[in-house]
Amino acid sequence: MLFVHCRVRAGLSGVSGLTVVTIKDVAARAGVSPKTVSRVINGEAHVRADKREQVLRVVRELDYRPNAFARSLSSSRSYLLGFLTDDPSSGYAADVQLGALKRCRERSYHLLVEPIDRADPHWARELAGTLGTLRLDGIMLTPPLCDDRKVLEVIEAADLPYVRISPSGEEDRSGYVRMDDQAAAAEMTRHLISLGHKRIGFLKGDPAHSASRKRFAGFVEAMIAAHLPIDPAIVLEGDFSVRSGVELGETLLSATDRPTAVFATNDDMALGVLMVAMKHHLNVPDQLAIGGFDDAPTSRLAWPQLTTIHQPKAAMAAAAVDMLTDPYYRQAENSIGFRRSLDYQLKVRGSTVPDA
């Protein structure tokens, strides 16, 4: 278990010596009662918007840092949120984690990152034990864990609220945050078609991820709408890794009738294809256009930079934290009202358009 502190330093200030800033200091500066400050910090309702903003401004000015232990003793909350992931080292998980950390810091919460290895035959028992030991106020999950019924059953047995990021179904089961992967993939495909490409290779991601199916559906949708054939020989399945992008890229680009464009369903696989294109001395994008998905930092470090779909991972994580810290979330029947869909963006760069 990785315990990530949202606090990076103690909140201390003062002219002669160091003095701990208290809730009374914030209340006095803001011209409100300590109870009002407490309500604002704890995300409670019944505080006027102008008063809330006034308190938050003073909190920032004084760099006030609530004592998490004292807060947990004085309420039923622990001010700890959990983030479950099957691959904490992936770029996707890292971006989600950073978004959650930033919002936790703003809300005076801490974040616990718990890797889940479902290859371990005892993972469910160990997860149940961990959840039974910790006092978590809620949990957020990303694919594929958010679609694993056994994972959800363990969390529900622990009577913990949870929010799923990009789930594939069972929308009434919990609150969720997502974007439209199918529509985004269709837009990327239409972009490649608009450039004159008719023979487009497609690299699927890990079949355990619902996003893989949705992105392939978007590709098919756009190809059919453009009356273009989909050749099964250039539709290959990877696992979202650079390695699979290299291996599948070699298969595509070594063929006699190679595609003129490749749409990889994440940036890591797209980077693998880009490496193979360089090996085969293919000019990108003149001889081969490459599209990715996610807008990972590496997409802008490659040359040429990758055309990709910007997925608002940090914003989705922040929205999940907002839901879990809302005092009404646990009481909401089937989490009605706690469902959000965020927008994506097509980022056109040099891997599909020269000098983009």
Protein backbone atom coordinates (compact mmCIF):
# COMPACT_ATOMS: atom_id res chain seq x y z
CA MET A 1 0.00 0.00 0.00
CA LEU A 2 1.29 3.43 -0.94
CA PHE A 3 0.32 6.22 1.45
CA VAL A 4 0.45 9.50 -0.42
CA HIS A 5 0.22 12.62 1.74
CA CYS A 6 -1.76 15.46 0.26
CA ARG A 7 0.01 17.74 2.74
CA VAL A 8 3.53 18.64 1.75
CA ARG A 9 4.52 20.70 4.79
CA ALA A 10 3.12 21.99 8.04
CA GLY A 11 1.23 25.26 7.90
CA LEU A 12 3.26 27.63 10.05
CA SER A 13 3.56 31.38 10.00
CA GLY A 14 4.52 34.26 12.25
CA VAL A 15 6.89 37.19 12.56
CA SER A 16 8.74 36.47 15.81
CA GLY A 17 9.11 32.73 15.85
CA LEU A 18 6.88 30.16 14.20
CA THR A 19 3.21 30.03 15.21
CA VAL A 20 0.71 27.38 14.21
CA VAL A 21 -2.25 28.93 12.38
CA THR A 22 -5.50 27.83 14.02
CA ILE A 23 -9.08 27.69 12.90
CA LYS A 24 -9.76 30.69 15.15
CA ASP A 25 -7.15 32.71 13.24
CA VAL A 26 -8.92 31.91 9.98
CA ALA A 27 -12.31 32.77 11.47
CA ALA A 28 -11.07 36.11 12.82
CA ARG A 29 -9.49 37.13 9.51
CA ALA A 30 -12.56 36.05 7.50
CA GLY A 31 -15.01 37.65 9.94
CA VAL A 32 -16.97 34.45 10.50
CA SER A 33 -17.33 31.91 13.29
CA PRO A 34 -14.97 28.92 13.70
CA LYS A 35 -18.02 26.71 13.05
CA THR A 36 -18.45 28.32 9.62
CA VAL A 37 -14.78 27.73 8.83
CA SER A 38 -15.20 24.09 9.86
CA ARG A 39 -18.22 23.68 7.62
CA VAL A 40 -16.40 25.12 4.63
CA ILE A 41 -13.30 22.96 5.15
CA ASN A 42 -15.42 19.84 5.59
CA GLY A 43 -17.41 20.56 2.43
CA GLU A 44 -20.70 20.85 4.26
CA ALA A 45 -23.76 22.58 2.88
CA HIS A 46 -25.66 25.56 4.30
CA VAL A 47 -22.82 28.05 3.79
CA ARG A 48 -23.45 31.02 1.51
CA ALA A 49 -21.31 31.06 -1.62
CA ASP A 50 -19.75 34.43 -0.76
CA LYS A 51 -18.88 33.29 2.77
CA ARG A 52 -17.41 30.03 1.42
CA GLU A 53 -15.19 31.89 -1.02
CA GLN A 54 -14.15 34.35 1.68
CA VAL A 55 -13.10 31.54 4.02
CA LEU A 56 -11.24 29.67 1.28
CA ARG A 57 -9.38 32.85 0.34
CA VAL A 58 -8.22 33.34 3.95
CA VAL A 59 -7.25 29.67 4.19
CA ARG A 60 -4.99 30.20 1.19
CA GLU A 61 -3.60 33.48 2.49
CA LEU A 62 -2.73 32.04 5.90
CA ASP A 63 -1.74 28.65 4.46
CA TYR A 64 -3.98 27.07 7.07
CA ARG A 65 -3.46 23.30 7.42
CA PRO A 66 -6.14 21.48 9.43
CA ASN A 67 -4.91 18.73 11.72
CA ALA A 68 -6.19 15.55 10.07
CA PHE A 69 -6.02 13.50 13.27
CA ALA A 70 -7.97 16.07 15.27
CA ARG A 71 -10.54 16.39 12.52
CA SER A 72 -11.09 12.64 12.38
CA LEU A 73 -11.56 12.49 16.16
CA SER A 74 -14.18 15.24 16.09
CA SER A 75 -16.21 13.72 13.27
CA SER A 76 -17.15 10.41 11.69
CA ARG A 77 -14.71 11.05 8.83
CA SER A 78 -11.09 9.93 8.52
CA TYR A 79 -10.24 12.40 5.72
CA LEU A 80 -8.64 9.50 3.85
CA LEU A 81 -9.63 8.45 0.32
CA GLY A 82 -8.49 5.29 -1.43
CA PHE A 83 -7.41 4.84 -5.05
CA LEU A 84 -7.40 1.24 -6.32
CA THR A 85 -5.38 0.45 -9.45
CA ASP A 86 -4.08 -2.67 -11.19
CA ASP A 87 -1.02 -0.86 -12.59
CA PRO A 88 0.21 2.09 -10.48
CA SER A 89 3.21 2.61 -12.78
CA SER A 90 1.16 3.29 -15.91
CA GLY A 91 0.92 6.79 -17.31
CA TYR A 92 -2.86 6.66 -17.07
CA ALA A 93 -2.82 5.75 -13.38
CA ALA A 94 -0.17 8.39 -12.68
CA ASP A 95 -2.25 11.14 -14.30
CA VAL A 96 -5.37 10.08 -12.39
CA GLN A 97 -3.40 9.94 -9.16
CA LEU A 98 -1.97 13.43 -9.65
CA GLY A 99 -5.42 14.84 -10.36
CA ALA A 100 -6.79 13.18 -7.23
CA LEU A 101 -3.86 14.40 -5.13
CA LYS A 102 -4.33 17.99 -6.22
CA ARG A 103 -8.02 17.98 -5.36
CA CYS A 104 -7.37 16.13 -2.07
CA ARG A 105 -4.90 18.86 -1.12
CA GLU A 106 -7.50 21.51 -1.85
CA ARG A 107 -10.02 19.69 0.34
CA SER A 108 -7.57 18.82 3.15
CA TYR A 109 -7.76 15.08 2.51
CA HIS A 110 -5.09 12.38 2.14
CA LEU A 111 -4.91 9.73 -0.56
CA LEU A 112 -4.07 6.04 -0.15
CA VAL A 113 -2.96 4.23 -3.32
CA GLU A 114 -3.62 0.50 -3.19
CA PRO A 115 -2.30 -1.70 -6.05
CA ILE A 116 -4.45 -4.78 -6.73
CA ASP A 117 -2.81 -7.83 -8.30
CA ARG A 118 -5.68 -10.03 -9.44
CA ALA A 119 -3.20 -12.72 -10.49
CA ASP A 120 -2.67 -13.37 -6.78
CA PRO A 121 -5.25 -16.01 -5.73
CA HIS A 122 -5.64 -14.28 -2.35
CA TRP A 123 -6.14 -10.73 -3.62
CA ALA A 124 -9.83 -10.50 -2.62
CA ARG A 125 -9.15 -11.63 0.94
CA GLU A 126 -6.21 -9.25 1.27
CA LEU A 127 -8.25 -6.34 -0.11
CA ALA A 128 -11.08 -7.09 2.31
CA GLY A 129 -8.60 -7.12 5.17
CA THR A 130 -7.06 -3.84 4.10
CA LEU A 131 -10.44 -2.12 3.80
CA GLY A 132 -11.48 -3.49 7.16
CA THR A 133 -8.36 -2.04 8.81
CA LEU A 134 -8.38 1.41 7.25
CA ARG A 135 -10.90 4.14 7.96
CA LEU A 136 -11.49 5.28 4.40
CA ASP A 137 -14.16 7.85 3.58
CA GLY A 138 -14.43 6.50 0.04
CA ILE A 139 -12.69 4.81 -2.87
CA MET A 140 -12.13 5.64 -6.53
CA LEU A 141 -11.41 3.03 -9.18
CA THR A 142 -10.24 3.08 -12.80
CA PRO A 143 -10.54 0.42 -15.55
CA PRO A 144 -10.38 -2.52 -15.47
CA LEU A 145 -10.98 -2.68 -11.69
CA CYS A 146 -14.05 -0.45 -11.91
CA ASP A 147 -15.71 -3.13 -14.08
CA ASP A 148 -14.64 -6.12 -11.95
CA ARG A 149 -17.72 -7.32 -10.06
CA LYS A 150 -15.62 -9.13 -7.45
CA VAL A 151 -13.72 -5.93 -6.64
CA LEU A 152 -16.99 -4.03 -6.30
CA GLU A 153 -18.49 -6.75 -4.11
CA VAL A 154 -15.53 -6.57 -1.71
CA ILE A 155 -15.90 -2.78 -1.44
CA GLU A 156 -19.65 -3.01 -0.98
CA ALA A 157 -19.21 -5.67 1.72
CA ALA A 158 -17.00 -3.17 3.56
CA ASP A 159 -19.87 -0.63 3.30
CA LEU A 160 -17.67 1.98 1.63
CA PRO A 161 -18.87 4.54 -0.92
CA TYR A 162 -16.99 4.46 -4.21
CA VAL A 163 -16.81 6.33 -7.51
CA ARG A 164 -15.84 4.67 -10.77
CA ILE A 165 -13.84 6.44 -13.46
CA SER A 166 -14.82 5.38 -17.00
CA PRO A 167 -16.95 2.31 -16.19
CA SER A 168 -18.41 0.24 -19.03
CA GLY A 169 -21.82 -0.53 -17.51
CA GLU A 170 -24.01 -0.96 -14.42
CA GLU A 171 -24.52 2.79 -14.30
CA ASP A 172 -26.94 2.56 -11.38
CA ARG A 173 -24.40 0.81 -9.19
CA SER A 174 -22.43 3.90 -8.15
CA GLY A 175 -21.48 7.43 -9.01
CA TYR A 176 -19.14 7.71 -11.96
CA VAL A 177 -17.10 10.09 -14.09
CA ARG A 178 -16.34 9.35 -17.71
CA MET A 179 -15.82 10.64 -21.23
CA ASP A 180 -17.22 9.27 -24.49
CA ASP A 181 -14.44 6.97 -25.72
CA GLN A 182 -16.45 5.80 -28.71
CA ALA A 183 -17.16 9.33 -29.95
CA ALA A 184 -13.53 10.32 -29.41
CA ALA A 185 -12.23 7.33 -31.38
CA ALA A 186 -14.68 8.08 -34.18
CA GLU A 187 -13.39 11.67 -34.34
CA MET A 188 -9.76 10.50 -34.58
CA THR A 189 -10.73 8.11 -37.37
CA ARG A 190 -12.59 10.85 -39.25
CA HIS A 191 -9.48 13.04 -38.91
CA LEU A 192 -7.35 10.38 -40.60
CA ILE A 193 -9.98 9.88 -43.30
CA SER A 194 -10.14 13.63 -43.93
CA LEU A 195 -6.43 13.54 -44.75
CA GLY A 196 -7.13 11.07 -47.56
CA HIS A 197 -6.30 7.82 -45.77
CA LYS A 198 -8.43 4.84 -46.77
CA ARG A 199 -6.34 1.91 -45.55
CA ILE A 200 -6.12 2.53 -41.81
CA GLY A 201 -4.57 0.06 -39.38
CA PHE A 202 -6.03 -0.20 -35.89
CA LEU A 203 -4.34 -1.36 -32.70
CA LYS A 204 -6.74 -2.49 -29.99
CA GLY A 205 -5.82 -2.26 -26.32
CA ASP A 206 -6.11 -4.73 -23.47
CA PRO A 207 -9.42 -6.60 -23.97
CA ALA A 208 -10.02 -6.47 -20.21
CA HIS A 209 -10.43 -2.69 -20.48
CA SER A 210 -13.87 -1.50 -21.53
CA ALA A 211 -12.21 1.46 -23.26
CA SER A 212 -10.66 -0.94 -25.78
CA ARG A 213 -14.07 -2.08 -26.96
CA LYS A 214 -15.51 1.43 -27.05
CA ARG A 215 -12.60 2.84 -29.04
CA PHE A 216 -12.77 0.02 -31.56
CA ALA A 217 -16.52 0.64 -31.89
CA GLY A 218 -15.79 4.30 -32.65
CA PHE A 219 -13.28 3.31 -35.33
CA VAL A 220 -15.76 0.93 -36.95
CA GLU A 221 -18.50 3.56 -36.78
CA ALA A 222 -16.42 6.16 -38.64
CA MET A 223 -15.11 3.71 -41.25
CA ILE A 224 -18.60 2.45 -42.06
CA ALA A 225 -19.94 6.00 -42.28
CA ALA A 226 -17.20 6.81 -44.80
CA HIS A 227 -17.95 3.60 -46.76
CA LEU A 228 -14.39 2.35 -46.22
CA PRO A 229 -13.46 -1.31 -45.82
CA ILE A 230 -12.05 -2.62 -42.53
CA ASP A 231 -9.33 -5.18 -43.26
CA PRO A 232 -9.04 -7.70 -40.38
CA ALA A 233 -5.39 -8.22 -41.35
CA ILE A 234 -4.51 -4.73 -40.12
CA VAL A 235 -6.72 -4.72 -37.02
CA LEU A 236 -4.51 -6.18 -34.28
CA GLU A 237 -4.84 -6.60 -30.53
CA GLY A 238 -2.25 -5.21 -28.10
CA ASP A 239 -2.14 -4.52 -24.39
CA PHE A 240 -1.59 -0.74 -24.19
CA SER A 241 2.20 -1.16 -23.76
CA VAL A 242 4.99 0.33 -25.87
CA ARG A 243 6.28 -3.20 -26.38
CA SER A 244 3.02 -4.33 -27.98
CA GLY A 245 3.05 -1.21 -30.15
CA VAL A 246 6.50 -2.14 -31.42
CA GLU A 247 5.56 -5.77 -32.05
CA LEU A 248 2.28 -4.98 -33.79
CA GLY A 249 3.83 -2.05 -35.65
CA GLU A 250 6.44 -4.42 -37.05
CA THR A 251 3.69 -6.71 -38.29
CA LEU A 252 1.82 -3.84 -39.96
CA LEU A 253 4.75 -2.03 -41.51
CA SER A 254 6.55 -5.14 -42.75
CA ALA A 255 3.56 -6.18 -44.84
CA THR A 256 3.60 -5.67 -48.59
CA ASP A 257 0.23 -3.92 -48.49
CA ARG A 258 0.90 -1.84 -45.39
CA PRO A 259 -1.58 0.78 -44.14
CA THR A 260 -1.01 4.47 -44.84
CA ALA A 261 -2.21 5.37 -41.35
CA VAL A 262 -2.33 3.65 -37.97
CA PHE A 263 -4.68 4.48 -35.12
CA ALA A 264 -3.36 3.06 -31.83
CA THR A 265 -5.79 3.21 -28.93
CA ASN A 266 -3.29 4.68 -26.51
CA ASP A 267 -0.16 6.81 -26.81
CA ASP A 268 2.24 4.12 -25.61
CA MET A 269 1.31 1.81 -28.48
CA ALA A 270 1.39 4.76 -30.90
CA LEU A 271 4.94 5.52 -29.76
CA GLY A 272 5.86 1.89 -30.44
CA VAL A 273 4.56 2.23 -34.00
CA LEU A 274 6.51 5.48 -34.39
CA MET A 275 9.73 3.66 -33.38
CA VAL A 276 9.10 0.97 -36.01
CA ALA A 277 8.38 3.62 -38.65
CA MET A 278 11.79 5.16 -37.94
CA LYS A 279 13.40 1.72 -38.21
CA HIS A 280 11.81 1.24 -41.65
CA HIS A 281 12.83 4.77 -42.72
CA LEU A 282 9.22 5.82 -43.22
CA ASN A 283 8.58 9.55 -43.07
CA VAL A 284 5.87 10.45 -40.54
CA PRO A 285 3.38 11.79 -41.53
CA ASP A 286 4.08 11.88 -45.29
CA GLN A 287 4.40 8.11 -45.69
CA LEU A 288 2.61 7.03 -42.53
CA ALA A 289 0.22 8.94 -40.30
CA ILE A 290 -0.05 7.85 -36.66
CA GLY A 291 -2.81 8.67 -34.18
CA GLY A 292 -2.84 7.89 -30.46
CA PHE A 293 -5.17 8.30 -27.50
CA ASP A 294 -4.84 9.80 -23.96
CA ASP A 295 -2.52 12.80 -24.56
CA ALA A 296 0.13 11.39 -22.23
CA PRO A 297 3.18 13.63 -21.58
CA THR A 298 5.24 11.35 -23.84
CA SER A 299 2.99 12.24 -26.79
CA ARG A 300 4.53 15.73 -26.75
CA LEU A 301 8.09 14.51 -26.19
CA ALA A 302 8.13 12.34 -29.33
CA TRP A 303 9.23 13.65 -32.70
CA PRO A 304 7.10 14.31 -34.53
CA GLN A 305 4.69 14.97 -31.70
CA LEU A 306 1.71 12.61 -31.62
CA THR A 307 -1.75 13.54 -32.77
CA THR A 308 -3.94 12.19 -29.99
CA ILE A 309 -7.17 12.44 -28.02
CA HIS A 310 -6.85 14.50 -24.87
CA GLN A 311 -8.59 12.58 -22.12
CA PRO A 312 -9.29 14.77 -19.06
CA LYS A 313 -7.86 12.23 -16.60
CA ALA A 314 -6.89 14.74 -13.91
CA ALA A 315 -10.27 16.47 -14.17
CA MET A 316 -12.09 13.13 -13.91
CA ALA A 317 -10.10 12.27 -10.79
CA ALA A 318 -10.87 15.67 -9.28
CA ALA A 319 -14.57 15.16 -9.98
CA ALA A 320 -14.41 11.74 -8.28
CA VAL A 321 -12.85 13.35 -5.19
CA ASP A 322 -15.60 16.00 -5.20
CA MET A 323 -18.24 13.29 -5.16
CA LEU A 324 -16.64 11.25 -2.38
CA THR A 325 -16.16 14.32 -0.18
CA ASP A 326 -19.72 15.54 -0.71
CA PRO A 327 -21.60 14.94 2.57
CA TYR A 328 -24.67 13.80 0.64
CA TYR A 329 -22.93 11.21 -1.55
CA ARG A 330 -23.30 8.23 0.80
CA GLN A 331 -26.99 8.95 1.35
CA ALA A 332 -27.82 9.40 -2.33
CA GLU A 333 -29.98 6.53 -3.57
CA ASN A 334 -28.06 4.76 -6.35
CA SER A 335 -25.83 7.85 -6.40
CA ILE A 336 -28.39 9.71 -8.51
CA GLY A 337 -27.05 13.15 -9.33
CA PHE A 338 -23.44 12.01 -8.99
CA ARG A 339 -22.71 11.13 -12.60
CA ARG A 340 -20.60 13.28 -14.87
CA SER A 341 -19.39 13.12 -18.45
CA LEU A 342 -16.43 15.33 -19.36
CA ASP A 343 -15.36 16.52 -22.80
CA TYR A 344 -12.42 15.21 -24.82
CA GLN A 345 -10.30 17.09 -27.39
CA LEU A 346 -8.63 16.02 -30.61
CA LYS A 347 -5.04 17.32 -30.47
CA VAL A 348 -3.70 17.52 -34.03
CA ARG A 349 0.09 17.41 -34.12
CA GLY A 350 2.94 16.44 -36.42
CA SER A 351 2.34 12.70 -36.61
CA THR A 352 -0.66 13.25 -38.90
CA VAL A 353 -0.19 16.76 -40.30
CA PRO A 354 3.23 18.15 -41.35
CA ASP A 355 4.39 21.09 -39.17
CA ALA A 356 1.24 20.87 -37.04
